[in-house]
Structures are given as structure tokens and as C-alpha cells.
Amino acid sequence: MSSLDTDAWREALLTNREHKDEYFARDPNSPIPADQRESFDGLSYFDPNESYRFAVELDEYETKETITVETTTDGERDYLVWGSFAFEVRGEEVTLDAYRSDPDERRLWVPFRDETSGEETYGAGRYLDLEDPDDREGDAWVLDFNAAYNPFCAYSERYECPLVPMENWLDVPIRAGEKTYRPE
């Protein structure tokens, strides 16, 4: 990235975070419990770090297997394993599977756990949503872990969230994106 691109990327990321904090604080559909919204002063994030932004080609699977993923409320959801991303984080080769709940949707769901899970970040893991074509650079998809977010069940037990499949448990820390939510 050039410095101008980096500046625009950073500004867009920080603006997104501000909008999310505003939504969480004020919107009646916020996942933050109503009794916590008055004291809510924003989510906690790692500082933006472009080294956690990767343009990676998807190795799309010829045959899309269906897997059943357990949820935080002992439920189950089915996903198609669409393909995988292979890239390097801090000198370590990692692979993440990407999923779709419907073969006709254009979004890829990339859930992951890493070495920060349960310490600095939500224990059950975090998610990336990749939209086609918004999160594409040519043939590559952009995995920007600075945009990694906690599922709504991290804020309230009233939500059911899919758990991260073991194939997406990373043995490296991803110090980017949203940190653990700790209500005041």
C-alpha cells in the first residue's frame, strides 16, 4: 500500500469503528443489553495494523462439503465449506476455511480462533465477513483482520452464534480487530 492508500484505509477503518460504536450505544437493536448502553463508551480494538491485511486467492473447493457447526446455545447450523485461504502470519503458514450458508450468496464467512482467544479477544473466536466484490483486489480476496469482530453472543446470551470449526483454530496470535467486550 502507498502511504495515501494506507491513510485512506486507516481512516475508513476508524470511521467504521465509530459507526459501530454509535450503533451499539444508541440503536434499539444493539446487542448491548439495554441496561448497559448508558455506560457503554465504545468497543475495545487493537490499533490498526496493516500487517494483518492480506490479499489472498481463494482455493475454491471443487466439491463443497456441508458441515454442521454447533452454536453457543447447543444448536446447529449447516455451512458449505467453500474454499480455503493460505497465507503467512508473522512467519507462520496458516490456512483458514471460508464458508457459505447458501451456494447463491456472494459473501464468505471466515470464523477463526487464535492465540489471543480467551485472553485479549472473545474466547469463542471472531469472524470476518467478505463481500464480493467489495472485499476483492483482482482475483484475490482481502482478509483484513483489523475488521475482525465478535459475534453478538459476546455481548448478550440472548444471541445464538455458530462456533468456530476446529479447522480454523490458529496457533498464532492475531492482534488485530475487536478485543474482548468488558461491560463497565
C-alpha atoms as a PDB file:
ATOM      1  CA  MET A   1       0.000   0.000   0.000  1.00  0.00           C
ATOM      2  CA  SER A   2       1.183   3.522  -0.670  1.00  0.00           C
ATOM      3  CA  SER A   3       1.063   5.984   2.218  1.00  0.00           C
ATOM      4  CA  LEU A   4      -2.017   7.642   0.668  1.00  0.00           C
ATOM      5  CA  ASP A   5      -3.740   4.258   0.412  1.00  0.00           C
ATOM      6  CA  THR A   6      -2.687   3.426   3.981  1.00  0.00           C
ATOM      7  CA  ASP A   7      -4.091   6.716   5.233  1.00  0.00           C
ATOM      8  CA  ALA A   8      -7.406   6.148   3.430  1.00  0.00           C
ATOM      9  CA  TRP A   9      -7.558   2.527   4.677  1.00  0.00           C
ATOM     10  CA  ARG A  10      -6.892   3.617   8.268  1.00  0.00           C
ATOM     11  CA  GLU A  11      -9.452   6.431   8.095  1.00  0.00           C
ATOM     12  CA  ALA A  12     -12.128   4.108   6.658  1.00  0.00           C
ATOM     13  CA  LEU A  13     -11.403   1.517   9.369  1.00  0.00           C
ATOM     14  CA  LEU A  14     -11.639   4.076  12.180  1.00  0.00           C
ATOM     15  CA  THR A  15     -14.838   5.527  10.703  1.00  0.00           C
ATOM     16  CA  ASN A  16     -16.380   2.037  10.570  1.00  0.00           C
ATOM     17  CA  ARG A  17     -15.465   1.518  14.212  1.00  0.00           C
ATOM     18  CA  GLU A  18     -17.050   4.847  15.188  1.00  0.00           C
ATOM     19  CA  HIS A  19     -20.270   3.944  13.353  1.00  0.00           C
ATOM     20  CA  LYS A  20     -20.381   0.539  15.024  1.00  0.00           C
ATOM     21  CA  ASP A  21     -19.878   2.105  18.470  1.00  0.00           C
ATOM     22  CA  GLU A  22     -22.669   4.593  17.742  1.00  0.00           C
ATOM     23  CA  TYR A  23     -24.993   1.782  16.658  1.00  0.00           C
ATOM     24  CA  PHE A  24     -24.157  -0.303  19.737  1.00  0.00           C
ATOM     25  CA  ALA A  25     -24.705   2.664  22.064  1.00  0.00           C
ATOM     26  CA  ARG A  26     -27.958   4.031  20.639  1.00  0.00           C
ATOM     27  CA  ASP A  27     -29.815   1.650  18.360  1.00  0.00           C
ATOM     28  CA  PRO A  28     -32.717  -0.320  19.915  1.00  0.00           C
ATOM     29  CA  ASN A  29     -31.444  -3.390  18.012  1.00  0.00           C
ATOM     30  CA  SER A  30     -27.993  -3.148  19.586  1.00  0.00           C
ATOM     31  CA  PRO A  31     -26.645  -6.407  21.015  1.00  0.00           C
ATOM     32  CA  ILE A  32     -25.517  -4.490  24.112  1.00  0.00           C
ATOM     33  CA  PRO A  33     -28.135  -5.119  26.828  1.00  0.00           C
ATOM     34  CA  ALA A  34     -30.317  -2.040  27.357  1.00  0.00           C
ATOM     35  CA  ASP A  35     -29.200  -1.652  30.972  1.00  0.00           C
ATOM     36  CA  GLN A  36     -25.545  -1.395  29.838  1.00  0.00           C
ATOM     37  CA  ARG A  37     -25.996   1.087  26.980  1.00  0.00           C
ATOM     38  CA  GLU A  38     -25.926   4.204  29.122  1.00  0.00           C
ATOM     39  CA  SER A  39     -22.442   3.381  30.408  1.00  0.00           C
ATOM     40  CA  PHE A  40     -21.244   1.980  27.059  1.00  0.00           C
ATOM     41  CA  ASP A  41     -18.409   4.143  25.741  1.00  0.00           C
ATOM     42  CA  GLY A  42     -17.284   2.049  22.801  1.00  0.00           C
ATOM     43  CA  LEU A  43     -15.725  -1.275  21.998  1.00  0.00           C
ATOM     44  CA  SER A  44     -12.071  -2.045  22.551  1.00  0.00           C
ATOM     45  CA  TYR A  45      -9.906  -2.638  19.486  1.00  0.00           C
ATOM     46  CA  PHE A  46      -6.312  -3.349  18.639  1.00  0.00           C
ATOM     47  CA  ASP A  47      -4.661  -0.397  16.933  1.00  0.00           C
ATOM     48  CA  PRO A  48      -4.916  -0.567  13.138  1.00  0.00           C
ATOM     49  CA  ASN A  49      -2.025  -2.586  11.753  1.00  0.00           C
ATOM     50  CA  GLU A  50      -1.735  -3.085   8.009  1.00  0.00           C
ATOM     51  CA  SER A  51       0.482  -6.151   8.508  1.00  0.00           C
ATOM     52  CA  TYR A  52      -2.754  -8.004   9.395  1.00  0.00           C
ATOM     53  CA  ARG A  53      -4.285  -7.202   5.999  1.00  0.00           C
ATOM     54  CA  PHE A  54      -3.765  -9.872   3.349  1.00  0.00           C
ATOM     55  CA  ALA A  55      -4.751 -10.088  -0.318  1.00  0.00           C
ATOM     56  CA  VAL A  56      -5.076 -13.842  -0.845  1.00  0.00           C
ATOM     57  CA  GLU A  57      -6.520 -16.003  -3.582  1.00  0.00           C
ATOM     58  CA  LEU A  58      -9.229 -18.406  -2.515  1.00  0.00           C
ATOM     59  CA  ASP A  59      -8.516 -22.051  -3.243  1.00  0.00           C
ATOM     60  CA  GLU A  60     -12.140 -22.844  -4.080  1.00  0.00           C
ATOM     61  CA  TYR A  61     -13.042 -26.472  -3.488  1.00  0.00           C
ATOM     62  CA  GLU A  62     -14.384 -28.334  -6.487  1.00  0.00           C
ATOM     63  CA  THR A  63     -16.753 -30.255  -4.223  1.00  0.00           C
ATOM     64  CA  LYS A  64     -18.322 -28.158  -1.489  1.00  0.00           C
ATOM     65  CA  GLU A  65     -18.879 -30.329   1.558  1.00  0.00           C
ATOM     66  CA  THR A  66     -21.601 -29.448   4.028  1.00  0.00           C
ATOM     67  CA  ILE A  67     -20.524 -29.287   7.647  1.00  0.00           C
ATOM     68  CA  THR A  68     -22.671 -28.896  10.724  1.00  0.00           C
ATOM     69  CA  VAL A  69     -21.415 -26.275  13.149  1.00  0.00           C
ATOM     70  CA  GLU A  70     -22.512 -26.198  16.780  1.00  0.00           C
ATOM     71  CA  THR A  71     -23.759 -22.936  18.250  1.00  0.00           C
ATOM     72  CA  THR A  72     -23.357 -21.219  21.601  1.00  0.00           C
ATOM     73  CA  THR A  73     -26.861 -22.367  22.612  1.00  0.00           C
ATOM     74  CA  ASP A  74     -26.373 -26.062  21.762  1.00  0.00           C
ATOM     75  CA  GLY A  75     -27.994 -25.601  18.369  1.00  0.00           C
ATOM     76  CA  GLU A  76     -26.573 -26.448  14.960  1.00  0.00           C
ATOM     77  CA  ARG A  77     -26.164 -24.684  11.618  1.00  0.00           C
ATOM     78  CA  ASP A  78     -25.097 -26.088   8.275  1.00  0.00           C
ATOM     79  CA  TYR A  79     -22.464 -24.415   6.085  1.00  0.00           C
ATOM     80  CA  LEU A  80     -20.816 -25.223   2.783  1.00  0.00           C
ATOM     81  CA  VAL A  81     -17.016 -25.339   3.019  1.00  0.00           C
ATOM     82  CA  TRP A  82     -16.395 -23.097   0.026  1.00  0.00           C
ATOM     83  CA  GLY A  83     -12.601 -22.992  -0.088  1.00  0.00           C
ATOM     84  CA  SER A  84      -9.500 -22.087   1.840  1.00  0.00           C
ATOM     85  CA  PHE A  85      -7.046 -19.249   2.186  1.00  0.00           C
ATOM     86  CA  ALA A  86      -3.346 -19.978   2.783  1.00  0.00           C
ATOM     87  CA  PHE A  87      -1.083 -17.145   3.901  1.00  0.00           C
ATOM     88  CA  GLU A  88       1.692 -16.280   6.315  1.00  0.00           C
ATOM     89  CA  VAL A  89       1.243 -14.521   9.670  1.00  0.00           C
ATOM     90  CA  ARG A  90       4.412 -13.417  11.434  1.00  0.00           C
ATOM     91  CA  GLY A  91       6.461 -16.109   9.701  1.00  0.00           C
ATOM     92  CA  GLU A  92       3.911 -18.905  10.269  1.00  0.00           C
ATOM     93  CA  GLU A  93       1.999 -20.535   7.413  1.00  0.00           C
ATOM     94  CA  VAL A  94      -1.718 -20.653   8.237  1.00  0.00           C
ATOM     95  CA  THR A  95      -4.848 -21.826   6.456  1.00  0.00           C
ATOM     96  CA  LEU A  96      -8.432 -20.723   7.042  1.00  0.00           C
ATOM     97  CA  ASP A  97     -11.527 -22.253   5.522  1.00  0.00           C
ATOM     98  CA  ALA A  98     -14.217 -19.964   4.120  1.00  0.00           C
ATOM     99  CA  TYR A  99     -17.901 -20.872   4.341  1.00  0.00           C
ATOM    100  CA  ARG A 100     -21.238 -20.034   2.800  1.00  0.00           C
ATOM    101  CA  SER A 101     -24.642 -20.888   4.180  1.00  0.00           C
ATOM    102  CA  ASP A 102     -26.145 -20.816   0.685  1.00  0.00           C
ATOM    103  CA  PRO A 103     -24.388 -21.541  -2.625  1.00  0.00           C
ATOM    104  CA  ASP A 104     -26.001 -18.484  -4.251  1.00  0.00           C
ATOM    105  CA  GLU A 105     -24.786 -15.901  -1.755  1.00  0.00           C
ATOM    106  CA  ARG A 106     -21.766 -13.740  -2.570  1.00  0.00           C
ATOM    107  CA  ARG A 107     -20.475 -13.432   0.984  1.00  0.00           C
ATOM    108  CA  LEU A 108     -17.786 -15.602   2.517  1.00  0.00           C
ATOM    109  CA  TRP A 109     -17.803 -16.194   6.263  1.00  0.00           C
ATOM    110  CA  VAL A 110     -14.371 -16.732   7.801  1.00  0.00           C
ATOM    111  CA  PRO A 111     -14.587 -17.539  11.507  1.00  0.00           C
ATOM    112  CA  PHE A 112     -11.354 -18.055  13.438  1.00  0.00           C
ATOM    113  CA  ARG A 113      -9.817 -18.568  16.844  1.00  0.00           C
ATOM    114  CA  ASP A 114      -6.230 -17.654  17.523  1.00  0.00           C
ATOM    115  CA  GLU A 115      -3.734 -17.446  20.381  1.00  0.00           C
ATOM    116  CA  THR A 116      -5.461 -14.298  21.723  1.00  0.00           C
ATOM    117  CA  SER A 117      -8.843 -16.066  22.095  1.00  0.00           C
ATOM    118  CA  GLY A 118      -9.953 -16.199  25.710  1.00  0.00           C
ATOM    119  CA  GLU A 119      -7.305 -13.685  26.764  1.00  0.00           C
ATOM    120  CA  GLU A 120      -7.320 -10.493  24.731  1.00  0.00           C
ATOM    121  CA  THR A 121     -10.202 -11.470  22.470  1.00  0.00           C
ATOM    122  CA  TYR A 122     -13.525 -13.285  22.760  1.00  0.00           C
ATOM    123  CA  GLY A 123     -12.921 -16.879  23.805  1.00  0.00           C
ATOM    124  CA  ALA A 124     -15.255 -18.462  21.263  1.00  0.00           C
ATOM    125  CA  GLY A 125     -13.486 -16.691  18.392  1.00  0.00           C
ATOM    126  CA  ARG A 126     -14.095 -13.866  15.968  1.00  0.00           C
ATOM    127  CA  TYR A 127     -15.444 -13.518  12.451  1.00  0.00           C
ATOM    128  CA  LEU A 128     -14.587 -11.905   9.145  1.00  0.00           C
ATOM    129  CA  ASP A 129     -17.292 -11.344   6.511  1.00  0.00           C
ATOM    130  CA  LEU A 130     -16.027 -10.943   2.975  1.00  0.00           C
ATOM    131  CA  GLU A 131     -18.339  -9.399   0.400  1.00  0.00           C
ATOM    132  CA  ASP A 132     -17.889  -9.936  -3.312  1.00  0.00           C
ATOM    133  CA  PRO A 133     -16.859  -7.593  -4.976  1.00  0.00           C
ATOM    134  CA  ASP A 134     -16.232  -5.127  -2.099  1.00  0.00           C
ATOM    135  CA  ASP A 135     -13.507  -7.231  -0.496  1.00  0.00           C
ATOM    136  CA  ARG A 136     -11.698  -8.163  -3.693  1.00  0.00           C
ATOM    137  CA  GLU A 137      -8.497  -6.919  -5.292  1.00  0.00           C
ATOM    138  CA  GLY A 138      -8.460  -8.521  -8.708  1.00  0.00           C
ATOM    139  CA  ASP A 139      -8.556 -12.289  -8.233  1.00  0.00           C
ATOM    140  CA  ALA A 140      -7.601 -12.019  -4.560  1.00  0.00           C
ATOM    141  CA  TRP A 141      -9.849 -11.612  -1.551  1.00  0.00           C
ATOM    142  CA  VAL A 142      -8.814  -9.137   1.144  1.00  0.00           C
ATOM    143  CA  LEU A 143      -8.626 -10.688   4.595  1.00  0.00           C
ATOM    144  CA  ASP A 144      -8.304  -7.659   6.839  1.00  0.00           C
ATOM    145  CA  PHE A 145      -8.118  -8.886  10.400  1.00  0.00           C
ATOM    146  CA  ASN A 146      -8.376  -5.272  11.546  1.00  0.00           C
ATOM    147  CA  ALA A 147     -12.070  -5.743  10.704  1.00  0.00           C
ATOM    148  CA  ALA A 148     -12.374  -8.964  12.758  1.00  0.00           C
ATOM    149  CA  TYR A 149     -15.397  -8.724  15.008  1.00  0.00           C
ATOM    150  CA  ASN A 150     -17.030 -10.514  17.895  1.00  0.00           C
ATOM    151  CA  PRO A 151     -20.311 -12.295  17.258  1.00  0.00           C
ATOM    152  CA  PHE A 152     -23.348 -10.826  19.046  1.00  0.00           C
ATOM    153  CA  CYS A 153     -23.271 -13.610  21.661  1.00  0.00           C
ATOM    154  CA  ALA A 154     -20.109 -11.941  23.044  1.00  0.00           C
ATOM    155  CA  TYR A 155     -22.357  -9.129  24.303  1.00  0.00           C
ATOM    156  CA  SER A 156     -25.505 -10.947  25.365  1.00  0.00           C
ATOM    157  CA  GLU A 157     -26.620 -14.524  25.986  1.00  0.00           C
ATOM    158  CA  ARG A 158     -29.848 -13.842  24.077  1.00  0.00           C
ATOM    159  CA  TYR A 159     -27.974 -14.451  20.806  1.00  0.00           C
ATOM    160  CA  GLU A 160     -27.080 -17.763  19.214  1.00  0.00           C
ATOM    161  CA  CYS A 161     -23.757 -17.789  17.393  1.00  0.00           C
ATOM    162  CA  PRO A 162     -22.003 -20.502  15.398  1.00  0.00           C
ATOM    163  CA  LEU A 163     -18.799 -21.773  16.986  1.00  0.00           C
ATOM    164  CA  VAL A 164     -15.546 -21.705  15.043  1.00  0.00           C
ATOM    165  CA  PRO A 165     -14.800 -25.075  13.413  1.00  0.00           C
ATOM    166  CA  MET A 166     -11.544 -26.593  14.670  1.00  0.00           C
ATOM    167  CA  GLU A 167     -10.046 -26.310  11.167  1.00  0.00           C
ATOM    168  CA  ASN A 168      -9.968 -22.542  11.742  1.00  0.00           C
ATOM    169  CA  TRP A 169      -8.165 -22.581  15.093  1.00  0.00           C
ATOM    170  CA  LEU A 170      -4.848 -20.821  14.507  1.00  0.00           C
ATOM    171  CA  ASP A 171      -1.674 -21.398  16.523  1.00  0.00           C
ATOM    172  CA  VAL A 172      -0.592 -17.772  16.095  1.00  0.00           C
ATOM    173  CA  PRO A 173      -1.846 -14.575  17.724  1.00  0.00           C
ATOM    174  CA  ILE A 174      -3.907 -12.210  15.561  1.00  0.00           C
ATOM    175  CA  ARG A 175      -3.596  -8.896  17.429  1.00  0.00           C
ATOM    176  CA  ALA A 176      -5.963  -7.030  15.136  1.00  0.00           C
ATOM    177  CA  GLY A 177      -9.641  -6.181  15.180  1.00  0.00           C
ATOM    178  CA  GLU A 178     -12.021  -6.257  18.078  1.00  0.00           C
ATOM    179  CA  LYS A 179     -10.945  -7.215  21.591  1.00  0.00           C
ATOM    180  CA  THR A 180     -12.987  -8.829  24.353  1.00  0.00           C
ATOM    181  CA  TYR A 181     -16.050  -6.859  25.425  1.00  0.00           C
ATOM    182  CA  ARG A 182     -15.922  -5.995  29.104  1.00  0.00           C
ATOM    183  CA  PRO A 183     -19.012  -4.091  30.279  1.00  0.00           C
ATOM    184  CA  GLU A 184     -18.435  -1.297  32.777  1.00  0.00           C
END
